[in-house]
């Protein structure tokens, strides 16, 4: 299962997109002030069937208990040392 979360800088999840792990990556647009981050599925998601409405309801309930935690910050680096 692949989860893309739209969240604010404090990690509060505003929206998620869930897709099968073998599907192509999804692309979303965000509002000003929101970030989009792929996150690992918590253990509570193991065995959930994305085609089952009850599983989707459980997914929603579980996600209300989580926030996104970014452990590393992204940064820009030079493509090659001789550039500039």
PDB file of N, CA and C in Angstrom:
ATOM      1  N   UNK A   1       0.840  -1.162   0.000  1.00  0.00           N
ATOM      2  CA  UNK A   1       0.000   0.000   0.000  1.00  0.00           C
ATOM      3  C   UNK A   1       0.896   1.240   0.000  1.00  0.00           C
ATOM      4  N   UNK A   2       0.575   2.179  -0.855  1.00  0.00           N
ATOM      5  CA  UNK A   2       1.314   3.432  -0.959  1.00  0.00           C
ATOM      6  C   UNK A   2       0.396   4.551  -0.464  1.00  0.00           C
ATOM      7  N   UNK A   3       0.923   5.388   0.428  1.00  0.00           N
ATOM      8  CA  UNK A   3       0.122   6.474   0.991  1.00  0.00           C
ATOM      9  C   UNK A   3       0.821   7.803   0.738  1.00  0.00           C
ATOM     10  N   UNK A   4       0.108   8.716   0.104  1.00  0.00           N
ATOM     11  CA  UNK A   4       0.589  10.075  -0.100  1.00  0.00           C
ATOM     12  C   UNK A   4      -0.257  10.968   0.794  1.00  0.00           C
ATOM     13  N   UNK A   5       0.395  11.676   1.709  1.00  0.00           N
ATOM     14  CA  UNK A   5      -0.327  12.538   2.645  1.00  0.00           C
ATOM     15  C   UNK A   5      -0.106  13.996   2.285  1.00  0.00           C
ATOM     16  N   UNK A   6      -1.187  14.759   2.277  1.00  0.00           N
ATOM     17  CA  UNK A   6      -1.094  16.219   2.179  1.00  0.00           C
ATOM     18  C   UNK A   6      -1.205  16.716   3.608  1.00  0.00           C
ATOM     19  N   UNK A   7      -0.197  17.485   4.049  1.00  0.00           N
ATOM     20  CA  UNK A   7      -0.149  17.890   5.447  1.00  0.00           C
ATOM     21  C   UNK A   7       0.471  19.267   5.597  1.00  0.00           C
ATOM     22  N   UNK A   8       0.266  19.860   6.780  1.00  0.00           N
ATOM     23  CA  UNK A   8       0.894  21.152   7.056  1.00  0.00           C
ATOM     24  C   UNK A   8       2.273  20.923   7.670  1.00  0.00           C
ATOM     25  N   UNK A   9       2.990  21.991   7.966  1.00  0.00           N
ATOM     26  CA  UNK A   9       4.355  21.851   8.471  1.00  0.00           C
ATOM     27  C   UNK A   9       4.407  21.224   9.858  1.00  0.00           C
ATOM     28  N   UNK A  10       3.314  21.248  10.600  1.00  0.00           N
ATOM     29  CA  UNK A  10       3.274  20.594  11.906  1.00  0.00           C
ATOM     30  C   UNK A  10       2.986  19.099  11.776  1.00  0.00           C
ATOM     31  N   UNK A  11       2.670  18.624  10.562  1.00  0.00           N
ATOM     32  CA  UNK A  11       2.408  17.215  10.333  1.00  0.00           C
ATOM     33  C   UNK A  11       0.943  16.829  10.381  1.00  0.00           C
ATOM     34  N   UNK A  12       0.063  17.792  10.590  1.00  0.00           N
ATOM     35  CA  UNK A  12      -1.373  17.503  10.628  1.00  0.00           C
ATOM     36  C   UNK A  12      -1.857  17.126   9.229  1.00  0.00           C
ATOM     37  N   UNK A  13      -2.425  15.936   9.116  1.00  0.00           N
ATOM     38  CA  UNK A  13      -2.859  15.417   7.819  1.00  0.00           C
ATOM     39  C   UNK A  13      -4.179  16.066   7.424  1.00  0.00           C
ATOM     40  N   UNK A  14      -4.197  16.617   6.220  1.00  0.00           N
ATOM     41  CA  UNK A  14      -5.407  17.233   5.685  1.00  0.00           C
ATOM     42  C   UNK A  14      -6.121  16.295   4.714  1.00  0.00           C
ATOM     43  N   UNK A  15      -5.339  15.459   4.028  1.00  0.00           N
ATOM     44  CA  UNK A  15      -5.914  14.560   3.028  1.00  0.00           C
ATOM     45  C   UNK A  15      -4.891  13.481   2.708  1.00  0.00           C
ATOM     46  N   UNK A  16      -5.381  12.306   2.332  1.00  0.00           N
ATOM     47  CA  UNK A  16      -4.472  11.248   1.895  1.00  0.00           C
ATOM     48  C   UNK A  16      -4.959  10.666   0.578  1.00  0.00           C
ATOM     49  N   UNK A  17      -4.014  10.088  -0.149  1.00  0.00           N
ATOM     50  CA  UNK A  17      -4.325   9.321  -1.346  1.00  0.00           C
ATOM     51  C   UNK A  17      -3.689   7.953  -1.123  1.00  0.00           C
ATOM     52  N   UNK A  18      -4.504   6.909  -1.176  1.00  0.00           N
ATOM     53  CA  UNK A  18      -4.026   5.549  -0.955  1.00  0.00           C
ATOM     54  C   UNK A  18      -4.113   4.800  -2.269  1.00  0.00           C
ATOM     55  N   UNK A  19      -3.035   4.085  -2.596  1.00  0.00           N
ATOM     56  CA  UNK A  19      -3.019   3.303  -3.831  1.00  0.00           C
ATOM     57  C   UNK A  19      -2.246   2.012  -3.588  1.00  0.00           C
ATOM     58  N   UNK A  20      -2.463   1.010  -4.436  1.00  0.00           N
ATOM     59  CA  UNK A  20      -1.706  -0.240  -4.294  1.00  0.00           C
ATOM     60  C   UNK A  20      -0.210   0.020  -4.471  1.00  0.00           C
ATOM     61  N   UNK A  21       0.607  -0.764  -3.805  1.00  0.00           N
ATOM     62  CA  UNK A  21       2.059  -0.578  -3.838  1.00  0.00           C
ATOM     63  C   UNK A  21       2.634  -0.709  -5.244  1.00  0.00           C
ATOM     64  N   UNK A  22       2.005  -1.518  -6.093  1.00  0.00           N
ATOM     65  CA  UNK A  22       2.536  -1.735  -7.436  1.00  0.00           C
ATOM     66  C   UNK A  22       1.959  -0.776  -8.483  1.00  0.00           C
ATOM     67  N   UNK A  23       1.188   0.210  -8.053  1.00  0.00           N
ATOM     68  CA  UNK A  23       0.622   1.172  -8.993  1.00  0.00           C
ATOM     69  C   UNK A  23       1.618   2.294  -9.260  1.00  0.00           C
ATOM     70  N   UNK A  24       1.430   3.017 -10.359  1.00  0.00           N
ATOM     71  CA  UNK A  24       2.310   4.164 -10.622  1.00  0.00           C
ATOM     72  C   UNK A  24       2.123   5.223  -9.532  1.00  0.00           C
ATOM     73  N   UNK A  25       3.160   6.004  -9.254  1.00  0.00           N
ATOM     74  CA  UNK A  25       3.034   7.067  -8.251  1.00  0.00           C
ATOM     75  C   UNK A  25       1.959   8.070  -8.657  1.00  0.00           C
ATOM     76  N   UNK A  26       1.227   8.565  -7.677  1.00  0.00           N
ATOM     77  CA  UNK A  26       0.195   9.568  -7.946  1.00  0.00           C
ATOM     78  C   UNK A  26       0.800  10.960  -7.854  1.00  0.00           C
ATOM     79  N   UNK A  27       0.154  11.895  -8.500  1.00  0.00           N
ATOM     80  CA  UNK A  27       0.577  13.284  -8.467  1.00  0.00           C
ATOM     81  C   UNK A  27      -0.604  14.093  -7.967  1.00  0.00           C
ATOM     82  N   UNK A  28      -0.349  14.960  -6.992  1.00  0.00           N
ATOM     83  CA  UNK A  28      -1.406  15.818  -6.468  1.00  0.00           C
ATOM     84  C   UNK A  28      -0.905  17.255  -6.444  1.00  0.00           C
ATOM     85  N   UNK A  29      -1.836  18.170  -6.444  1.00  0.00           N
ATOM     86  CA  UNK A  29      -1.492  19.569  -6.244  1.00  0.00           C
ATOM     87  C   UNK A  29      -1.834  19.908  -4.797  1.00  0.00           C
ATOM     88  N   UNK A  30      -1.129  20.849  -4.246  1.00  0.00           N
ATOM     89  CA  UNK A  30      -1.382  21.223  -2.868  1.00  0.00           C
ATOM     90  C   UNK A  30      -1.758  22.685  -2.775  1.00  0.00           C
ATOM     91  N   UNK A  31      -2.414  23.003  -1.680  1.00  0.00           N
ATOM     92  CA  UNK A  31      -2.732  24.391  -1.393  1.00  0.00           C
ATOM     93  C   UNK A  31      -1.490  25.056  -0.827  1.00  0.00           C
ATOM     94  N   UNK A  32      -1.467  26.360  -0.836  1.00  0.00           N
ATOM     95  CA  UNK A  32      -0.359  27.081  -0.221  1.00  0.00           C
ATOM     96  C   UNK A  32      -0.305  26.697   1.251  1.00  0.00           C
ATOM     97  N   UNK A  33       0.891  26.351   1.703  1.00  0.00           N
ATOM     98  CA  UNK A  33       1.081  25.988   3.104  1.00  0.00           C
ATOM     99  C   UNK A  33       0.988  24.495   3.378  1.00  0.00           C
ATOM    100  N   UNK A  34       0.632  23.698   2.362  1.00  0.00           N
ATOM    101  CA  UNK A  34       0.566  22.247   2.551  1.00  0.00           C
ATOM    102  C   UNK A  34       1.686  21.570   1.784  1.00  0.00           C
ATOM    103  N   UNK A  35       2.109  20.442   2.284  1.00  0.00           N
ATOM    104  CA  UNK A  35       3.149  19.635   1.662  1.00  0.00           C
ATOM    105  C   UNK A  35       2.548  18.298   1.255  1.00  0.00           C
ATOM    106  N   UNK A  36       3.173  17.617   0.326  1.00  0.00           N
ATOM    107  CA  UNK A  36       2.757  16.268  -0.074  1.00  0.00           C
ATOM    108  C   UNK A  36       3.939  15.338   0.161  1.00  0.00           C
ATOM    109  N   UNK A  37       3.719  14.292   0.964  1.00  0.00           N
ATOM    110  CA  UNK A  37       4.792  13.383   1.340  1.00  0.00           C
ATOM    111  C   UNK A  37       4.308  11.945   1.278  1.00  0.00           C
ATOM    112  N   UNK A  38       5.118  11.072   0.657  1.00  0.00           N
ATOM    113  CA  UNK A  38       4.814   9.641   0.728  1.00  0.00           C
ATOM    114  C   UNK A  38       5.213   9.160   2.110  1.00  0.00           C
ATOM    115  N   UNK A  39       4.337   8.406   2.744  1.00  0.00           N
ATOM    116  CA  UNK A  39       4.592   7.913   4.098  1.00  0.00           C
ATOM    117  C   UNK A  39       4.450   6.398   4.143  1.00  0.00           C
ATOM    118  N   UNK A  40       5.135   5.785   5.091  1.00  0.00           N
ATOM    119  CA  UNK A  40       5.023   4.348   5.287  1.00  0.00           C
ATOM    120  C   UNK A  40       3.689   4.045   5.958  1.00  0.00           C
ATOM    121  N   UNK A  41       3.087   2.930   5.566  1.00  0.00           N
ATOM    122  CA  UNK A  41       1.822   2.515   6.174  1.00  0.00           C
ATOM    123  C   UNK A  41       2.073   1.977   7.581  1.00  0.00           C
ATOM    124  N   UNK A  42       1.334   2.453   8.577  1.00  0.00           N
ATOM    125  CA  UNK A  42       1.473   1.923   9.934  1.00  0.00           C
ATOM    126  C   UNK A  42       1.034   0.457  10.001  1.00  0.00           C
ATOM    127  N   UNK A  43       1.468  -0.246  11.035  1.00  0.00           N
ATOM    128  CA  UNK A  43       1.105  -1.652  11.218  1.00  0.00           C
ATOM    129  C   UNK A  43      -0.405  -1.871  11.188  1.00  0.00           C
ATOM    130  N   UNK A  44      -1.146  -0.896  11.681  1.00  0.00           N
ATOM    131  CA  UNK A  44      -2.607  -1.019  11.743  1.00  0.00           C
ATOM    132  C   UNK A  44      -3.241  -1.195  10.365  1.00  0.00           C
ATOM    133  N   UNK A  45      -2.496  -0.883   9.306  1.00  0.00           N
ATOM    134  CA  UNK A  45      -3.033  -0.999   7.955  1.00  0.00           C
ATOM    135  C   UNK A  45      -2.829  -2.377   7.347  1.00  0.00           C
ATOM    136  N   UNK A  46      -2.038  -3.218   7.998  1.00  0.00           N
ATOM    137  CA  UNK A  46      -1.764  -4.549   7.475  1.00  0.00           C
ATOM    138  C   UNK A  46      -3.070  -5.319   7.297  1.00  0.00           C
ATOM    139  N   UNK A  47      -3.250  -5.864   6.118  1.00  0.00           N
ATOM    140  CA  UNK A  47      -4.427  -6.684   5.855  1.00  0.00           C
ATOM    141  C   UNK A  47      -5.663  -5.921   5.407  1.00  0.00           C
ATOM    142  N   UNK A  48      -5.601  -4.597   5.344  1.00  0.00           N
ATOM    143  CA  UNK A  48      -6.763  -3.846   4.878  1.00  0.00           C
ATOM    144  C   UNK A  48      -6.916  -4.016   3.373  1.00  0.00           C
ATOM    145  N   UNK A  49      -8.143  -4.220   2.936  1.00  0.00           N
ATOM    146  CA  UNK A  49      -8.460  -4.386   1.523  1.00  0.00           C
ATOM    147  C   UNK A  49      -9.022  -3.071   0.996  1.00  0.00           C
ATOM    148  N   UNK A  50      -8.314  -2.443   0.057  1.00  0.00           N
ATOM    149  CA  UNK A  50      -8.747  -1.144  -0.451  1.00  0.00           C
ATOM    150  C   UNK A  50     -10.062  -1.197  -1.212  1.00  0.00           C
ATOM    151  N   UNK A  51     -10.508  -2.390  -1.569  1.00  0.00           N
ATOM    152  CA  UNK A  51     -11.779  -2.537  -2.282  1.00  0.00           C
ATOM    153  C   UNK A  51     -12.953  -2.762  -1.339  1.00  0.00           C
ATOM    154  N   UNK A  52     -12.684  -2.912  -0.057  1.00  0.00           N
ATOM    155  CA  UNK A  52     -13.721  -3.190   0.933  1.00  0.00           C
ATOM    156  C   UNK A  52     -14.109  -1.900   1.661  1.00  0.00           C
ATOM    157  N   UNK A  53     -15.386  -1.498   1.610  1.00  0.00           N
ATOM    158  CA  UNK A  53     -15.817  -0.258   2.277  1.00  0.00           C
ATOM    159  C   UNK A  53     -15.531  -0.247   3.785  1.00  0.00           C
ATOM    160  N   UNK A  54     -15.640  -1.395   4.448  1.00  0.00           N
ATOM    161  CA  UNK A  54     -15.355  -1.443   5.887  1.00  0.00           C
ATOM    162  C   UNK A  54     -13.870  -1.194   6.153  1.00  0.00           C
ATOM    163  N   UNK A  55     -13.005  -1.727   5.290  1.00  0.00           N
ATOM    164  CA  UNK A  55     -11.571  -1.484   5.433  1.00  0.00           C
ATOM    165  C   UNK A  55     -11.248  -0.012   5.215  1.00  0.00           C
ATOM    166  N   UNK A  56     -11.911   0.605   4.262  1.00  0.00           N
ATOM    167  CA  UNK A  56     -11.687   2.026   4.011  1.00  0.00           C
ATOM    168  C   UNK A  56     -12.134   2.871   5.204  1.00  0.00           C
ATOM    169  N   UNK A  57     -13.229   2.482   5.840  1.00  0.00           N
ATOM    170  CA  UNK A  57     -13.698   3.186   7.032  1.00  0.00           C
ATOM    171  C   UNK A  57     -12.670   3.039   8.157  1.00  0.00           C
ATOM    172  N   UNK A  58     -12.132   1.834   8.317  1.00  0.00           N
ATOM    173  CA  UNK A  58     -11.114   1.578   9.342  1.00  0.00           C
ATOM    174  C   UNK A  58      -9.858   2.407   9.043  1.00  0.00           C
ATOM    175  N   UNK A  59      -9.490   2.502   7.796  1.00  0.00           N
ATOM    176  CA  UNK A  59      -8.340   3.293   7.386  1.00  0.00           C
ATOM    177  C   UNK A  59      -8.523   4.751   7.808  1.00  0.00           C
ATOM    178  N   UNK A  60      -9.693   5.289   7.573  1.00  0.00           N
ATOM    179  CA  UNK A  60     -10.003   6.666   7.951  1.00  0.00           C
ATOM    180  C   UNK A  60      -9.901   6.853   9.459  1.00  0.00           C
ATOM    181  N   UNK A  61     -10.448   5.911  10.220  1.00  0.00           N
ATOM    182  CA  UNK A  61     -10.410   6.005  11.677  1.00  0.00           C
ATOM    183  C   UNK A  61      -8.973   5.969  12.200  1.00  0.00           C
ATOM    184  N   UNK A  62      -8.163   5.095  11.635  1.00  0.00           N
ATOM    185  CA  UNK A  62      -6.780   4.962  12.080  1.00  0.00           C
ATOM    186  C   UNK A  62      -5.989   6.221  11.726  1.00  0.00           C
ATOM    187  N   UNK A  63      -6.197   6.757  10.531  1.00  0.00           N
ATOM    188  CA  UNK A  63      -5.446   7.933  10.104  1.00  0.00           C
ATOM    189  C   UNK A  63      -5.713   9.153  10.976  1.00  0.00           C
ATOM    190  N   UNK A  64      -6.881   9.227  11.579  1.00  0.00           N
ATOM    191  CA  UNK A  64      -7.180  10.345  12.468  1.00  0.00           C
ATOM    192  C   UNK A  64      -6.260  10.364  13.683  1.00  0.00           C
ATOM    193  N   UNK A  65      -5.588   9.253  13.950  1.00  0.00           N
ATOM    194  CA  UNK A  65      -4.717   9.138  15.120  1.00  0.00           C
ATOM    195  C   UNK A  65      -3.246   9.399  14.772  1.00  0.00           C
ATOM    196  N   UNK A  66      -2.945   9.748  13.527  1.00  0.00           N
ATOM    197  CA  UNK A  66      -1.567   9.925  13.087  1.00  0.00           C
ATOM    198  C   UNK A  66      -1.312  11.327  12.556  1.00  0.00           C
ATOM    199  N   UNK A  67      -0.029  11.679  12.551  1.00  0.00           N
ATOM    200  CA  UNK A  67       0.419  12.891  11.886  1.00  0.00           C
ATOM    201  C   UNK A  67       1.713  12.536  11.150  1.00  0.00           C
ATOM    202  N   UNK A  68       2.097  13.340  10.193  1.00  0.00           N
ATOM    203  CA  UNK A  68       3.306  13.089   9.412  1.00  0.00           C
ATOM    204  C   UNK A  68       4.504  13.627  10.190  1.00  0.00           C
ATOM    205  N   UNK A  69       5.533  12.809  10.293  1.00  0.00           N
ATOM    206  CA  UNK A  69       6.777  13.246  10.936  1.00  0.00           C
ATOM    207  C   UNK A  69       7.905  13.140   9.915  1.00  0.00           C
ATOM    208  N   UNK A  70       8.436  14.268   9.533  1.00  0.00           N
ATOM    209  CA  UNK A  70       9.550  14.285   8.582  1.00  0.00           C
ATOM    210  C   UNK A  70      10.846  14.280   9.376  1.00  0.00           C
ATOM    211  N   UNK A  71      11.611  13.203   9.236  1.00  0.00           N
ATOM    212  CA  UNK A  71      12.850  13.083  10.004  1.00  0.00           C
ATOM    213  C   UNK A  71      14.030  13.752   9.327  1.00  0.00           C
ATOM    214  N   UNK A  72      13.976  13.911   8.044  1.00  0.00           N
ATOM    215  CA  UNK A  72      15.083  14.534   7.319  1.00  0.00           C
ATOM    216  C   UNK A  72      14.517  15.625   6.413  1.00  0.00           C
ATOM    217  N   UNK A  73      15.239  16.701   6.328  1.00  0.00           N
ATOM    218  CA  UNK A  73      14.803  17.790   5.465  1.00  0.00           C
ATOM    219  C   UNK A  73      15.407  17.624   4.076  1.00  0.00           C
ATOM    220  N   UNK A  74      14.628  17.945   3.075  1.00  0.00           N
ATOM    221  CA  UNK A  74      15.141  17.921   1.706  1.00  0.00           C
ATOM    222  C   UNK A  74      15.989  19.165   1.488  1.00  0.00           C
ATOM    223  N   UNK A  75      16.980  19.046   0.650  1.00  0.00           N
ATOM    224  CA  UNK A  75      17.815  20.190   0.339  1.00  0.00           C
ATOM    225  C   UNK A  75      18.283  20.090  -1.094  1.00  0.00           C
ATOM    226  N   UNK A  76      18.693  21.219  -1.650  1.00  0.00           N
ATOM    227  CA  UNK A  76      19.235  21.256  -2.993  1.00  0.00           C
ATOM    228  C   UNK A  76      20.739  21.071  -2.924  1.00  0.00           C
ATOM    229  N   UNK A  77      21.255  20.273  -3.824  1.00  0.00           N
ATOM    230  CA  UNK A  77      22.706  20.084  -3.926  1.00  0.00           C
ATOM    231  C   UNK A  77      23.100  20.271  -5.383  1.00  0.00           C
ATOM    232  N   UNK A  78      24.331  20.643  -5.609  1.00  0.00           N
ATOM    233  CA  UNK A  78      24.814  20.856  -6.977  1.00  0.00           C
ATOM    234  C   UNK A  78      24.848  19.532  -7.727  1.00  0.00           C
ATOM    235  N   UNK A  79      24.506  19.584  -9.013  1.00  0.00           N
ATOM    236  CA  UNK A  79      24.543  18.398  -9.849  1.00  0.00           C
ATOM    237  C   UNK A  79      25.974  17.924 -10.060  1.00  0.00           C
ATOM    238  N   UNK A  80      26.874  18.865 -10.203  1.00  0.00           N
ATOM    239  CA  UNK A  80      28.288  18.513 -10.365  1.00  0.00           C
ATOM    240  C   UNK A  80      29.131  19.581  -9.684  1.00  0.00           C
ATOM    241  N   UNK A  81      30.282  19.210  -9.163  1.00  0.00           N
ATOM    242  CA  UNK A  81      31.125  20.180  -8.446  1.00  0.00           C
ATOM    243  C   UNK A  81      31.601  21.324  -9.324  1.00  0.00           C
ATOM    244  N   UNK A  82      31.744  21.083 -10.638  1.00  0.00           N
ATOM    245  CA  UNK A  82      32.264  22.145 -11.508  1.00  0.00           C
ATOM    246  C   UNK A  82      31.202  23.149 -11.916  1.00  0.00           C
ATOM    247  N   UNK A  83      29.940  22.893 -11.580  1.00  0.00           N
ATOM    248  CA  UNK A  83      28.886  23.862 -11.934  1.00  0.00           C
ATOM    249  C   UNK A  83      29.058  25.116 -11.109  1.00  0.00           C
ATOM    250  N   UNK A  84      29.093  26.244 -11.769  1.00  0.00           N
ATOM    251  CA  UNK A  84      29.251  27.568 -11.167  1.00  0.00           C
ATOM    252  C   UNK A  84      30.597  27.647 -10.543  1.00  0.00           C
TER     253      UNK A  84
END
